[in-house]
Amino acid sequence: GRVIYYGCAAEEGAGAKQFMARAGLFDCCDFIYTWHPATQNGVDASPCNAIMGANFEFKGLSAHAGGSPHLGRSALDAAELMSVGVNYLREHIIDGARVHYAYVDAGGTAPNVVQDRSLVKYEVRSPKVSQVKALFERVVKVARGAALMTETAMEYEVTMAFSDYQPNDALAAIADGCMREVGAPRWDEEDYRLAKEFLSSYNETTLEAIRESMAETYGPERVSELWERPLDSEIQPYIPGRKDVSGGSTDVGDVTYAVPCLNLHVATACIGNVGHTWQMTAQARSSIGRKGLLTAVKALALTALRTMNEPEAVERAKALVLARNGGRYQCPLPDDLEPPVGRY
């Protein structure tokens, strides 16, 4: 067989795999495996949210805020009114949907000048890509209303969109056995000591949430043990048909709508670790992260070899994708949108 390694940029930004899938770069593949750093070891069994993001730019008219405020049209007011409108929208969206935002340009630092520009970045998530498109349109309507109220102009540019990740049960049956054969990373006492140090660095509120999560995942009777040695040393079982949607999003979702694809999780951080924190970054650079990486390499290699020798499983995996996409992958991005290099 032929092995193709895809280097994929911008996984935590605007994404790359949806552009690659749209261009047909995965069409030559019978199956694809990938992995993601985690706090547990096992095949990724949970679907994850679709996401769509855009930059919303408001343009107004500057004026002296003290001498002639009536001549100004505040783009900052528009951005703030958009935030207010979206906050009211939150009550009327489905469970599991999310709306995030960040101010990129508030229009300057002088409070006595009416701000003539503002730029705010919004991202919305929903369990299905069809749902995320509908929610995004509602956010656009709020932005238009904010511009109307402030007599400013509004333009928006879609910068990113990922389809929801869906596991492939046919591939998972093979990968689950291979991960059990490879086993979890071989932690030593220094790894456990380091993991406990990272776990202890969180504040009390976070630690209480971690303790509750440990009890739910591993059972209350194991919390004391894991609190002292907080590294997953097992392979968690793959449970087909899980409905608990992960709150995050990944451009791997688009690959699962294009070809048979499956994501593996390997521990590179302590149990209970909170993602997108300095603790996550530091552990990735430690012995914990390195051992997780090498374990993932072994699991991916063995799983790919085993899958090549099971053509009937590959055909079942392709049938699952066909049922999911109706015969053709549809990119959630506008057809003319290019990767937003330097604009995300």
Protein backbone atom coordinates (compact mmCIF):
# COMPACT_ATOMS: atom_id res chain seq x y z
CA GLY A 1 0.00 0.00 0.00
CA ARG A 2 0.89 3.66 -0.18
CA VAL A 3 1.18 5.79 2.95
CA ILE A 4 0.51 9.52 2.69
CA TYR A 5 1.40 11.89 5.52
CA TYR A 6 -0.58 15.14 5.43
CA GLY A 7 0.89 18.18 7.12
CA CYS A 8 -2.07 20.28 8.27
CA ALA A 9 -1.59 23.86 9.41
CA ALA A 10 -3.88 26.12 11.44
CA GLU A 11 -5.77 23.42 13.34
CA GLU A 12 -6.36 25.89 16.17
CA GLY A 13 -7.04 28.76 13.81
CA ALA A 14 -8.98 29.00 10.58
CA GLY A 15 -8.31 25.35 9.80
CA ALA A 16 -6.76 23.70 6.76
CA LYS A 17 -8.42 20.32 6.25
CA GLN A 18 -11.72 21.75 5.01
CA PHE A 19 -9.83 23.61 2.26
CA MET A 20 -7.92 20.41 1.48
CA ALA A 21 -11.11 18.32 1.39
CA ARG A 22 -12.78 20.88 -0.87
CA ALA A 23 -9.80 20.63 -3.24
CA GLY A 24 -10.12 16.82 -3.31
CA LEU A 25 -6.78 16.12 -1.64
CA PHE A 26 -8.22 13.22 0.39
CA ASP A 27 -10.15 11.59 -2.47
CA CYS A 28 -7.30 9.18 -3.19
CA CYS A 29 -7.40 7.72 0.32
CA ASP A 30 -9.17 4.52 1.35
CA PHE A 31 -8.98 5.53 5.02
CA ILE A 32 -7.32 8.12 7.23
CA TYR A 33 -6.17 8.01 10.84
CA THR A 34 -5.15 10.94 12.99
CA TRP A 35 -4.61 11.61 16.68
CA HIS A 36 -5.01 14.42 19.19
CA PRO A 37 -3.31 15.02 22.54
CA ALA A 38 -5.66 14.26 25.42
CA THR A 39 -5.89 13.29 29.08
CA GLN A 40 -7.12 9.76 28.28
CA ASN A 41 -6.12 6.96 25.94
CA GLY A 42 -8.61 5.47 23.51
CA VAL A 43 -10.43 5.87 20.22
CA ASP A 44 -12.29 9.18 20.03
CA ALA A 45 -15.91 8.06 20.28
CA SER A 46 -17.69 11.38 20.80
CA PRO A 47 -18.92 13.58 17.95
CA CYS A 48 -17.83 17.20 18.23
CA ASN A 49 -19.41 20.50 17.32
CA ALA A 50 -19.37 22.13 13.92
CA ILE A 51 -18.13 25.72 13.98
CA MET A 52 -18.31 28.85 11.81
CA GLY A 53 -16.49 32.12 12.39
CA ALA A 54 -16.31 35.57 10.85
CA ASN A 55 -14.85 39.04 11.28
CA PHE A 56 -17.52 41.73 11.69
CA GLU A 57 -16.31 45.21 10.81
CA PHE A 58 -18.27 48.37 11.60
CA LYS A 59 -17.45 51.73 10.03
CA GLY A 60 -18.75 54.99 11.42
CA LEU A 61 -17.78 58.66 11.55
CA SER A 62 -15.30 60.20 13.98
CA ALA A 63 -16.02 63.43 15.82
CA HIS A 64 -15.04 65.24 19.00
CA ALA A 65 -16.90 63.38 21.74
CA GLY A 66 -17.15 66.52 23.87
CA GLY A 67 -17.51 69.30 21.31
CA SER A 68 -19.59 67.72 18.56
CA PRO A 69 -20.73 64.23 19.56
CA HIS A 70 -23.89 64.58 17.47
CA LEU A 71 -21.78 64.55 14.34
CA GLY A 72 -20.18 61.21 15.15
CA ARG A 73 -21.42 57.71 14.41
CA SER A 74 -19.76 55.27 16.75
CA ALA A 75 -18.53 51.99 15.36
CA LEU A 76 -17.66 50.93 18.91
CA ASP A 77 -21.29 51.46 19.94
CA ALA A 78 -22.30 49.19 17.07
CA ALA A 79 -19.94 46.44 18.20
CA GLU A 80 -21.20 46.71 21.76
CA LEU A 81 -24.82 46.63 20.69
CA MET A 82 -24.04 43.53 18.65
CA SER A 83 -22.71 41.93 21.82
CA VAL A 84 -25.89 42.88 23.68
CA GLY A 85 -28.07 41.46 20.91
CA VAL A 86 -26.12 38.20 20.78
CA ASN A 87 -26.39 37.87 24.55
CA TYR A 88 -30.19 38.01 24.26
CA LEU A 89 -29.97 35.48 21.42
CA ARG A 90 -28.26 32.97 23.72
CA GLU A 91 -31.59 32.21 25.43
CA HIS A 92 -33.09 31.08 22.14
CA ILE A 93 -30.52 28.64 20.77
CA ILE A 94 -30.42 24.86 21.03
CA ASP A 95 -28.68 23.02 23.84
CA GLY A 96 -25.06 22.45 22.98
CA ALA A 97 -24.75 25.54 20.78
CA ARG A 98 -22.10 28.09 21.69
CA VAL A 99 -21.29 31.67 20.69
CA HIS A 100 -17.82 33.16 21.32
CA TYR A 101 -16.40 36.59 20.52
CA ALA A 102 -13.28 38.70 20.83
CA TYR A 103 -12.68 42.39 20.14
CA VAL A 104 -9.88 42.75 17.62
CA ASP A 105 -10.06 46.53 17.14
CA ALA A 106 -12.04 48.76 19.50
CA GLY A 107 -11.40 51.85 17.39
CA GLY A 108 -8.59 53.50 19.28
CA THR A 109 -7.59 54.51 22.79
CA ALA A 110 -8.84 58.11 22.99
CA PRO A 111 -12.16 58.26 24.89
CA ASN A 112 -12.88 61.82 23.71
CA VAL A 113 -13.01 60.73 20.06
CA VAL A 114 -16.05 58.95 18.59
CA GLN A 115 -14.62 55.71 17.26
CA ASP A 116 -15.06 55.44 13.50
CA ARG A 117 -14.09 51.78 13.26
CA SER A 118 -14.34 48.52 15.16
CA LEU A 119 -13.70 44.88 14.41
CA VAL A 120 -15.10 42.00 16.42
CA LYS A 121 -14.54 38.31 15.76
CA TYR A 122 -17.41 35.85 16.34
CA GLU A 123 -17.48 32.05 16.30
CA VAL A 124 -20.61 29.92 16.69
CA ARG A 125 -20.84 26.18 17.35
CA SER A 126 -23.60 23.60 17.04
CA PRO A 127 -23.66 19.79 17.02
CA LYS A 128 -24.37 19.64 13.27
CA VAL A 129 -22.99 21.68 10.39
CA SER A 130 -26.55 22.50 9.17
CA GLN A 131 -27.36 23.90 12.62
CA VAL A 132 -24.25 26.02 12.79
CA LYS A 133 -25.05 27.69 9.47
CA ALA A 134 -28.53 28.62 10.70
CA LEU A 135 -27.17 30.02 13.98
CA PHE A 136 -24.53 32.02 12.14
CA GLU A 137 -27.21 33.69 10.00
CA ARG A 138 -29.00 34.79 13.16
CA VAL A 139 -25.79 36.39 14.44
CA VAL A 140 -25.41 38.21 11.11
CA LYS A 141 -28.93 39.63 11.55
CA VAL A 142 -27.98 40.92 15.00
CA ALA A 143 -24.94 42.66 13.47
CA ARG A 144 -27.11 44.28 10.82
CA GLY A 145 -29.48 45.50 13.52
CA ALA A 146 -26.60 47.01 15.49
CA ALA A 147 -25.43 48.88 12.39
CA LEU A 148 -28.96 50.14 11.75
CA MET A 149 -29.32 51.44 15.32
CA THR A 150 -26.03 53.35 15.15
CA GLU A 151 -26.20 54.51 11.52
CA THR A 152 -22.92 52.77 10.78
CA ALA A 153 -21.93 50.43 7.96
CA MET A 154 -21.29 46.74 8.61
CA GLU A 155 -19.38 44.21 6.57
CA TYR A 156 -18.47 40.67 7.55
CA GLU A 157 -16.07 38.09 6.18
CA VAL A 158 -16.39 34.39 6.92
CA THR A 159 -12.94 33.27 8.02
CA MET A 160 -13.45 29.66 9.07
CA ALA A 161 -15.94 26.79 9.23
CA PHE A 162 -15.54 23.16 10.26
CA SER A 163 -18.03 20.34 9.88
CA ASP A 164 -18.85 18.24 12.93
CA TYR A 165 -16.52 15.32 13.66
CA GLN A 166 -18.23 11.93 13.39
CA PRO A 167 -16.39 8.72 14.40
CA ASN A 168 -16.38 5.77 12.02
CA ASP A 169 -17.44 2.59 13.81
CA ALA A 170 -15.94 0.28 11.17
CA LEU A 171 -12.47 1.78 11.62
CA ALA A 172 -12.94 2.10 15.37
CA ALA A 173 -13.36 -1.65 15.78
CA ILE A 174 -9.85 -2.13 14.39
CA ALA A 175 -8.24 0.85 16.12
CA ASP A 176 -9.62 -0.09 19.53
CA GLY A 177 -7.93 -3.50 19.39
CA CYS A 178 -4.66 -2.00 18.16
CA MET A 179 -4.57 0.60 20.93
CA ARG A 180 -5.07 -2.17 23.49
CA GLU A 181 -2.19 -4.08 21.95
CA VAL A 182 0.12 -1.06 22.01
CA GLY A 183 -1.09 -0.07 25.48
CA ALA A 184 -0.98 3.23 27.32
CA PRO A 185 2.21 5.27 27.65
CA ARG A 186 4.65 3.70 30.13
CA TRP A 187 4.65 6.27 32.91
CA ASP A 188 7.35 6.25 35.60
CA GLU A 189 7.34 7.78 39.07
CA GLU A 190 8.82 11.04 37.83
CA ASP A 191 5.95 11.36 35.32
CA TYR A 192 3.38 10.83 38.07
CA ARG A 193 5.12 13.37 40.30
CA LEU A 194 5.16 15.94 37.51
CA ALA A 195 1.51 15.30 36.65
CA LYS A 196 0.51 15.79 40.30
CA GLU A 197 2.40 19.09 40.32
CA PHE A 198 0.51 20.31 37.26
CA LEU A 199 -2.82 19.16 38.68
CA SER A 200 -2.13 21.03 41.93
CA SER A 201 -1.51 24.27 40.03
CA TYR A 202 -5.23 24.83 39.33
CA ASN A 203 -7.42 26.96 41.59
CA GLU A 204 -9.90 25.43 44.05
CA THR A 205 -12.95 25.91 41.82
CA THR A 206 -11.26 24.13 38.91
CA LEU A 207 -9.97 21.37 41.19
CA GLU A 208 -13.46 20.69 42.49
CA ALA A 209 -14.75 20.38 38.92
CA ILE A 210 -11.86 18.03 38.09
CA ARG A 211 -12.64 15.88 41.12
CA GLU A 212 -16.29 15.56 40.03
CA SER A 213 -15.22 14.65 36.48
CA MET A 214 -12.83 12.00 37.81
CA ALA A 215 -15.63 10.40 39.81
CA GLU A 216 -17.94 10.34 36.78
CA THR A 217 -15.30 8.89 34.45
CA TYR A 218 -13.42 6.43 36.65
CA GLY A 219 -15.79 5.87 39.58
CA PRO A 220 -15.81 7.57 43.01
CA GLU A 221 -13.76 4.80 44.57
CA ARG A 222 -10.75 5.65 42.35
CA VAL A 223 -10.59 9.40 42.92
CA SER A 224 -8.09 9.23 45.78
CA GLU A 225 -5.78 6.95 43.81
CA LEU A 226 -5.90 9.06 40.66
CA TRP A 227 -5.48 12.30 42.58
CA GLU A 228 -2.04 11.11 43.68
CA ARG A 229 -1.09 9.55 40.32
CA PRO A 230 -3.11 11.59 37.78
CA LEU A 231 -2.07 9.96 34.50
CA ASP A 232 -4.28 7.62 32.48
CA SER A 233 -2.52 4.25 32.38
CA GLU A 234 -5.37 2.38 30.65
CA ILE A 235 -7.05 2.23 27.26
CA GLN A 236 -10.60 3.49 27.62
CA PRO A 237 -13.18 1.30 25.84
CA TYR A 238 -14.71 2.47 22.58
CA ILE A 239 -18.50 2.76 22.91
CA PRO A 240 -20.24 2.95 19.51
CA GLY A 241 -23.13 5.34 19.06
CA ARG A 242 -22.22 7.83 21.76
CA LYS A 243 -24.39 10.95 21.65
CA ASP A 244 -22.53 13.16 24.12
CA VAL A 245 -21.14 15.82 21.81
CA SER A 246 -17.73 17.27 22.65
CA GLY A 247 -17.85 21.02 23.11
CA GLY A 248 -14.79 21.64 20.96
CA SER A 249 -14.41 21.63 17.19
CA THR A 250 -11.82 20.37 14.71
CA ASP A 251 -11.25 20.52 10.98
CA VAL A 252 -10.87 16.72 11.13
CA GLY A 253 -14.67 16.80 11.03
CA ASP A 254 -14.56 17.72 7.36
CA VAL A 255 -12.34 14.73 6.62
CA THR A 256 -14.92 12.41 8.25
CA TYR A 257 -17.49 13.71 5.75
CA ALA A 258 -15.13 13.15 2.81
CA VAL A 259 -13.47 9.75 3.43
CA PRO A 260 -13.36 7.12 6.20
CA CYS A 261 -11.49 8.83 9.01
CA LEU A 262 -10.94 8.25 12.71
CA ASN A 263 -9.26 10.17 15.52
CA LEU A 264 -7.28 8.52 18.34
CA HIS A 265 -6.69 10.05 21.77
CA VAL A 266 -3.45 9.53 23.67
CA ALA A 267 -2.68 11.08 27.04
CA THR A 268 -0.11 13.87 26.97
CA ALA A 269 -1.33 15.65 30.11
CA CYS A 270 -2.61 14.91 33.58
CA ILE A 271 -6.15 13.67 34.16
CA GLY A 272 -8.36 16.73 34.54
CA ASN A 273 -6.06 19.01 32.58
CA VAL A 274 -7.81 22.07 31.15
CA GLY A 275 -7.04 22.66 27.47
CA HIS A 276 -5.71 25.94 26.05
CA THR A 277 -3.83 26.76 29.25
CA TRP A 278 -0.17 27.18 30.15
CA GLN A 279 -0.40 23.81 31.89
CA MET A 280 -1.31 22.16 28.58
CA THR A 281 1.60 23.83 26.82
CA ALA A 282 4.12 22.94 29.52
CA GLN A 283 3.10 19.27 29.68
CA ALA A 284 3.38 18.96 25.90
CA ARG A 285 7.04 19.94 26.26
CA SER A 286 7.65 17.48 29.10
CA SER A 287 8.38 13.76 29.32
CA ILE A 288 4.61 13.22 29.59
CA GLY A 289 4.03 14.80 26.20
CA ARG A 290 6.91 12.95 24.56
CA LYS A 291 5.77 9.56 25.81
CA GLY A 292 2.24 10.28 24.64
CA LEU A 293 3.53 11.26 21.20
CA LEU A 294 5.57 8.07 20.77
CA THR A 295 2.65 5.93 21.90
CA ALA A 296 0.42 7.65 19.34
CA VAL A 297 2.95 6.93 16.58
CA LYS A 298 2.91 3.22 17.41
CA ALA A 299 -0.89 3.10 17.61
CA LEU A 300 -1.32 4.88 14.29
CA ALA A 301 1.18 2.64 12.50
CA LEU A 302 -0.25 -0.62 13.81
CA THR A 303 -3.83 0.47 13.13
CA ALA A 304 -3.03 1.45 9.54
CA LEU A 305 -1.32 -1.88 8.86
CA ARG A 306 -4.19 -3.87 10.32
CA THR A 307 -6.77 -1.87 8.37
CA MET A 308 -4.94 -2.50 5.08
CA ASN A 309 -5.39 -6.22 5.69
CA GLU A 310 -9.15 -5.94 6.28
CA PRO A 311 -10.66 -4.77 2.96
CA GLU A 312 -14.19 -5.69 4.05
CA ALA A 313 -13.89 -3.33 7.02
CA VAL A 314 -12.70 -0.56 4.70
CA GLU A 315 -15.77 -1.07 2.51
CA ARG A 316 -18.03 -0.86 5.58
CA ALA A 317 -16.23 2.34 6.57
CA LYS A 318 -16.83 3.82 3.11
CA ALA A 319 -20.51 2.89 3.30
CA LEU A 320 -20.81 4.83 6.56
CA VAL A 321 -19.33 7.92 4.90
CA LEU A 322 -21.69 7.55 1.93
CA ALA A 323 -24.67 7.46 4.26
CA ARG A 324 -23.35 10.56 6.01
CA ASN A 325 -22.59 12.79 3.02
CA GLY A 326 -25.13 11.52 0.50
CA GLY A 327 -22.44 10.76 -2.05
CA ARG A 328 -20.42 13.99 -2.03
CA TYR A 329 -18.56 16.05 0.53
CA GLN A 330 -19.98 19.57 0.86
CA CYS A 331 -17.64 22.16 2.29
CA PRO A 332 -19.29 24.53 4.81
CA LEU A 333 -17.24 27.44 3.46
CA PRO A 334 -18.32 29.69 0.59
CA ASP A 335 -16.97 28.33 -2.69
CA ASP A 336 -14.89 31.42 -3.40
CA LEU A 337 -13.35 31.74 0.06
CA GLU A 338 -9.58 31.25 0.11
CA PRO A 339 -7.56 30.48 3.26
CA PRO A 340 -7.58 33.74 5.29
CA VAL A 341 -3.82 34.00 5.64
CA GLY A 342 -3.09 37.03 7.80
CA ARG A 343 -6.78 37.87 8.19
CA TYR A 344 -7.96 35.35 10.77
